[in-house]
Amino acid sequence: MKKWIPILIFAGILLSGPMSTSGRAASWSGVDETVIEKFAEKAGRPAREPFINTDQGDLLLFVFLLAGAVGGFAAGYWFRVLFPPRRKNADGSTVS
């Protein structure tokens, strides 16, 4: 029975964390809103719409998918250059 007490306390802490912060998350503004926008407005450069709005749909997810596919292809193509095989000495031990 005593083994279950720390497990239950740990599970309670993990489960209560996300439930308690939902009300506070909306009250904090980001760096963009508090600092960057203030200095941009003083310089006469108000915010505008981005050229490619990645907040719409799954466009940002698709961009990350393409970047991962290109990076994976490049790593696979140049695998031997990135991770050269270890050489062995005459006695069978590997050289660092």
N, C-alpha and C. Protein backbone atom coordinates (compact mmCIF):
# COMPACT_ATOMS: atom_id res chain seq x y z
N MET A 1 0.81 -1.19 0.00
CA MET A 1 0.00 0.00 0.00
C MET A 1 0.85 1.26 0.00
N LYS A 2 1.99 1.21 0.70
CA LYS A 2 2.83 2.41 0.79
C LYS A 2 3.51 2.72 -0.54
N LYS A 3 3.65 1.72 -1.42
CA LYS A 3 4.24 1.97 -2.72
C LYS A 3 3.33 2.81 -3.61
N TRP A 4 2.03 2.71 -3.41
CA TRP A 4 1.07 3.39 -4.25
C TRP A 4 0.92 4.87 -3.91
N ILE A 5 1.27 5.26 -2.71
CA ILE A 5 1.07 6.65 -2.30
C ILE A 5 1.90 7.62 -3.14
N PRO A 6 3.23 7.42 -3.34
CA PRO A 6 3.98 8.35 -4.20
C PRO A 6 3.49 8.34 -5.65
N ILE A 7 3.07 7.18 -6.12
CA ILE A 7 2.58 7.10 -7.50
C ILE A 7 1.29 7.90 -7.64
N LEU A 8 0.38 7.78 -6.68
CA LEU A 8 -0.87 8.54 -6.74
C LEU A 8 -0.63 10.04 -6.59
N ILE A 9 0.31 10.43 -5.74
CA ILE A 9 0.63 11.86 -5.59
C ILE A 9 1.21 12.40 -6.88
N PHE A 10 2.13 11.65 -7.50
CA PHE A 10 2.75 12.09 -8.75
C PHE A 10 1.70 12.18 -9.86
N ALA A 11 0.81 11.19 -9.94
CA ALA A 11 -0.25 11.23 -10.96
C ALA A 11 -1.19 12.40 -10.71
N GLY A 12 -1.49 12.69 -9.45
CA GLY A 12 -2.35 13.83 -9.14
C GLY A 12 -1.72 15.15 -9.55
N ILE A 13 -0.42 15.29 -9.32
CA ILE A 13 0.27 16.52 -9.72
C ILE A 13 0.26 16.67 -11.24
N LEU A 14 0.53 15.56 -11.94
CA LEU A 14 0.53 15.61 -13.40
C LEU A 14 -0.84 15.95 -13.97
N LEU A 15 -1.87 15.40 -13.38
CA LEU A 15 -3.22 15.65 -13.90
C LEU A 15 -3.77 17.01 -13.49
N SER A 16 -3.35 17.53 -12.36
CA SER A 16 -3.88 18.83 -11.93
C SER A 16 -3.17 20.01 -12.60
N GLY A 17 -2.01 19.82 -13.14
CA GLY A 17 -1.27 20.91 -13.77
C GLY A 17 -1.99 21.53 -14.95
N PRO A 18 -2.37 20.75 -15.97
CA PRO A 18 -3.06 21.34 -17.12
C PRO A 18 -4.42 21.92 -16.78
N MET A 19 -5.09 21.39 -15.78
CA MET A 19 -6.42 21.89 -15.44
C MET A 19 -6.35 23.25 -14.75
N SER A 20 -5.28 23.53 -14.04
CA SER A 20 -5.23 24.77 -13.26
C SER A 20 -4.69 25.96 -14.04
N THR A 21 -4.01 25.76 -15.15
CA THR A 21 -3.39 26.88 -15.85
C THR A 21 -4.22 27.42 -17.01
N SER A 22 -5.35 26.84 -17.31
CA SER A 22 -6.11 27.29 -18.48
C SER A 22 -6.64 28.71 -18.31
N GLY A 23 -6.99 29.13 -17.11
CA GLY A 23 -7.49 30.48 -16.90
C GLY A 23 -6.40 31.53 -16.94
N ARG A 24 -5.20 31.17 -16.55
CA ARG A 24 -4.10 32.13 -16.51
C ARG A 24 -3.42 32.30 -17.87
N ALA A 25 -3.51 31.33 -18.73
CA ALA A 25 -2.79 31.37 -20.00
C ALA A 25 -3.26 32.53 -20.87
N ALA A 26 -4.52 32.89 -20.81
CA ALA A 26 -5.04 33.95 -21.66
C ALA A 26 -4.62 35.34 -21.18
N SER A 27 -4.25 35.49 -19.92
CA SER A 27 -3.92 36.80 -19.40
C SER A 27 -2.50 37.24 -19.77
N TRP A 28 -1.64 36.32 -20.15
CA TRP A 28 -0.27 36.67 -20.53
C TRP A 28 -0.20 36.98 -22.01
N SER A 29 0.38 38.12 -22.35
CA SER A 29 0.57 38.44 -23.75
C SER A 29 2.01 38.10 -24.13
N GLY A 30 2.21 37.83 -25.40
CA GLY A 30 3.52 37.40 -25.87
C GLY A 30 4.47 38.57 -26.07
N VAL A 31 5.70 38.24 -26.41
CA VAL A 31 6.73 39.26 -26.64
C VAL A 31 6.37 40.10 -27.86
N ASP A 32 5.77 39.47 -28.87
CA ASP A 32 5.38 40.22 -30.07
C ASP A 32 4.43 41.35 -29.74
N GLU A 33 3.46 41.06 -28.90
CA GLU A 33 2.45 42.08 -28.58
C GLU A 33 2.98 43.16 -27.65
N THR A 34 3.79 42.79 -26.67
CA THR A 34 4.19 43.76 -25.66
C THR A 34 5.42 44.57 -26.05
N VAL A 35 6.36 43.98 -26.73
CA VAL A 35 7.62 44.67 -26.99
C VAL A 35 7.77 45.05 -28.46
N ILE A 36 7.69 44.09 -29.34
CA ILE A 36 8.00 44.34 -30.75
C ILE A 36 6.98 45.27 -31.39
N GLU A 37 5.69 45.03 -31.13
CA GLU A 37 4.67 45.89 -31.73
C GLU A 37 4.77 47.32 -31.23
N LYS A 38 5.15 47.50 -29.96
CA LYS A 38 5.28 48.85 -29.41
C LYS A 38 6.40 49.62 -30.12
N PHE A 39 7.56 48.97 -30.30
CA PHE A 39 8.66 49.65 -30.98
C PHE A 39 8.38 49.84 -32.46
N ALA A 40 7.67 48.90 -33.08
CA ALA A 40 7.34 49.05 -34.50
C ALA A 40 6.37 50.21 -34.71
N GLU A 41 5.42 50.37 -33.81
CA GLU A 41 4.48 51.49 -33.93
C GLU A 41 5.19 52.82 -33.75
N LYS A 42 6.16 52.88 -32.81
CA LYS A 42 6.92 54.13 -32.61
C LYS A 42 7.75 54.46 -33.84
N ALA A 43 8.22 53.45 -34.54
CA ALA A 43 9.03 53.67 -35.73
C ALA A 43 8.18 53.93 -36.97
N GLY A 44 6.87 53.85 -36.83
CA GLY A 44 5.99 54.13 -37.96
C GLY A 44 5.77 52.92 -38.85
N ARG A 45 5.98 51.71 -38.35
CA ARG A 45 5.79 50.49 -39.12
C ARG A 45 4.74 49.62 -38.43
N PRO A 46 3.45 49.89 -38.62
CA PRO A 46 2.42 49.08 -37.95
C PRO A 46 2.39 47.66 -38.52
N ALA A 47 1.74 46.78 -37.80
CA ALA A 47 1.64 45.38 -38.22
C ALA A 47 0.82 45.26 -39.49
N ARG A 48 1.17 44.28 -40.31
CA ARG A 48 0.44 44.02 -41.54
C ARG A 48 0.27 42.52 -41.68
N GLU A 49 -0.53 42.12 -42.64
CA GLU A 49 -0.74 40.70 -42.91
C GLU A 49 0.52 40.09 -43.52
N PRO A 50 0.89 38.87 -43.16
CA PRO A 50 2.07 38.24 -43.76
C PRO A 50 1.82 37.87 -45.22
N PHE A 51 2.88 37.73 -45.99
CA PHE A 51 2.75 37.33 -47.39
C PHE A 51 2.17 35.93 -47.51
N ILE A 52 2.69 35.00 -46.73
CA ILE A 52 2.18 33.64 -46.70
C ILE A 52 1.69 33.38 -45.28
N ASN A 53 0.40 33.29 -45.12
CA ASN A 53 -0.19 33.11 -43.80
C ASN A 53 -0.22 31.62 -43.46
N THR A 54 0.68 31.19 -42.59
CA THR A 54 0.77 29.78 -42.23
C THR A 54 -0.19 29.40 -41.12
N ASP A 55 -1.00 30.33 -40.64
CA ASP A 55 -1.97 30.02 -39.60
C ASP A 55 -3.23 29.41 -40.16
N GLN A 56 -3.37 29.37 -41.46
CA GLN A 56 -4.59 28.85 -42.07
C GLN A 56 -4.43 27.36 -42.35
N GLY A 57 -5.32 26.57 -41.82
CA GLY A 57 -5.35 25.14 -42.12
C GLY A 57 -4.08 24.42 -41.68
N ASP A 58 -3.64 23.50 -42.51
CA ASP A 58 -2.49 22.67 -42.20
C ASP A 58 -1.27 23.07 -43.02
N LEU A 59 -1.17 24.31 -43.44
CA LEU A 59 -0.05 24.74 -44.28
C LEU A 59 1.27 24.63 -43.53
N LEU A 60 1.31 25.05 -42.27
CA LEU A 60 2.54 24.96 -41.50
C LEU A 60 2.95 23.50 -41.29
N LEU A 61 1.99 22.62 -41.04
CA LEU A 61 2.28 21.20 -40.91
C LEU A 61 2.84 20.63 -42.21
N PHE A 62 2.30 21.05 -43.35
CA PHE A 62 2.79 20.60 -44.64
C PHE A 62 4.22 21.10 -44.90
N VAL A 63 4.52 22.32 -44.49
CA VAL A 63 5.89 22.85 -44.66
C VAL A 63 6.87 22.04 -43.83
N PHE A 64 6.52 21.70 -42.59
CA PHE A 64 7.39 20.87 -41.77
C PHE A 64 7.54 19.47 -42.35
N LEU A 65 6.48 18.93 -42.94
CA LEU A 65 6.56 17.63 -43.59
C LEU A 65 7.54 17.66 -44.75
N LEU A 66 7.47 18.69 -45.58
CA LEU A 66 8.40 18.81 -46.70
C LEU A 66 9.84 18.97 -46.23
N ALA A 67 10.05 19.79 -45.20
CA ALA A 67 11.40 19.99 -44.68
C ALA A 67 11.95 18.69 -44.10
N GLY A 68 11.13 17.92 -43.41
CA GLY A 68 11.58 16.64 -42.87
C GLY A 68 11.88 15.64 -43.96
N ALA A 69 11.08 15.63 -45.02
CA ALA A 69 11.33 14.71 -46.14
C ALA A 69 12.63 15.07 -46.86
N VAL A 70 12.85 16.34 -47.10
CA VAL A 70 14.09 16.76 -47.77
C VAL A 70 15.29 16.48 -46.88
N GLY A 71 15.19 16.79 -45.59
CA GLY A 71 16.29 16.51 -44.66
C GLY A 71 16.56 15.02 -44.52
N GLY A 72 15.52 14.21 -44.47
CA GLY A 72 15.69 12.76 -44.39
C GLY A 72 16.31 12.19 -45.65
N PHE A 73 15.89 12.69 -46.81
CA PHE A 73 16.49 12.23 -48.06
C PHE A 73 17.97 12.60 -48.13
N ALA A 74 18.30 13.84 -47.73
CA ALA A 74 19.70 14.27 -47.76
C ALA A 74 20.55 13.47 -46.77
N ALA A 75 20.02 13.22 -45.57
CA ALA A 75 20.77 12.44 -44.58
C ALA A 75 20.96 11.00 -45.06
N GLY A 76 19.96 10.43 -45.71
CA GLY A 76 20.09 9.08 -46.24
C GLY A 76 21.05 9.00 -47.41
N TYR A 77 21.01 10.01 -48.26
CA TYR A 77 21.88 10.01 -49.44
C TYR A 77 23.35 10.16 -49.05
N TRP A 78 23.62 11.02 -48.08
CA TRP A 78 24.99 11.25 -47.64
C TRP A 78 25.29 10.59 -46.29
N PHE A 79 24.67 9.42 -46.03
CA PHE A 79 24.84 8.74 -44.75
C PHE A 79 26.30 8.38 -44.48
N ARG A 80 26.99 7.87 -45.47
CA ARG A 80 28.40 7.46 -45.28
C ARG A 80 29.32 8.65 -45.04
N VAL A 81 28.96 9.81 -45.57
CA VAL A 81 29.77 11.00 -45.32
C VAL A 81 29.50 11.53 -43.91
N LEU A 82 28.23 11.50 -43.49
CA LEU A 82 27.87 11.99 -42.17
C LEU A 82 28.37 11.07 -41.06
N PHE A 83 28.25 9.76 -41.28
CA PHE A 83 28.65 8.76 -40.27
C PHE A 83 29.60 7.76 -40.92
N PRO A 84 30.89 8.10 -41.01
CA PRO A 84 31.82 7.19 -41.67
C PRO A 84 31.99 5.90 -40.86
N PRO A 85 32.24 4.78 -41.56
CA PRO A 85 32.44 3.53 -40.83
C PRO A 85 33.74 3.57 -40.04
N ARG A 86 33.75 2.88 -38.90
CA ARG A 86 34.95 2.87 -38.06
C ARG A 86 35.98 1.93 -38.65
N ARG A 87 37.21 2.38 -38.64
CA ARG A 87 38.31 1.54 -39.13
C ARG A 87 38.77 0.61 -38.02
N LYS A 88 39.28 -0.55 -38.41
CA LYS A 88 39.77 -1.50 -37.44
C LYS A 88 41.28 -1.62 -37.57
N ASN A 89 41.96 -1.81 -36.44
CA ASN A 89 43.40 -2.05 -36.43
C ASN A 89 43.67 -3.50 -36.82
N ALA A 90 44.93 -3.81 -36.93
CA ALA A 90 45.34 -5.17 -37.27
C ALA A 90 44.93 -6.16 -36.18
N ASP A 91 44.87 -5.71 -34.94
CA ASP A 91 44.50 -6.61 -33.84
C ASP A 91 42.98 -6.72 -33.67
N GLY A 92 42.18 -6.03 -34.47
CA GLY A 92 40.73 -6.14 -34.41
C GLY A 92 40.04 -5.06 -33.62
N SER A 93 40.80 -4.18 -32.94
CA SER A 93 40.18 -3.11 -32.16
C SER A 93 39.85 -1.95 -33.09
N THR A 94 38.86 -1.14 -32.69
CA THR A 94 38.42 -0.01 -33.52
C THR A 94 39.24 1.22 -33.21
N VAL A 95 39.44 2.06 -34.21
CA VAL A 95 40.17 3.31 -34.08
C VAL A 95 39.16 4.43 -33.91
N SER A 96 39.36 5.32 -32.96
CA SER A 96 38.44 6.44 -32.74
C SER A 96 38.63 7.51 -33.77
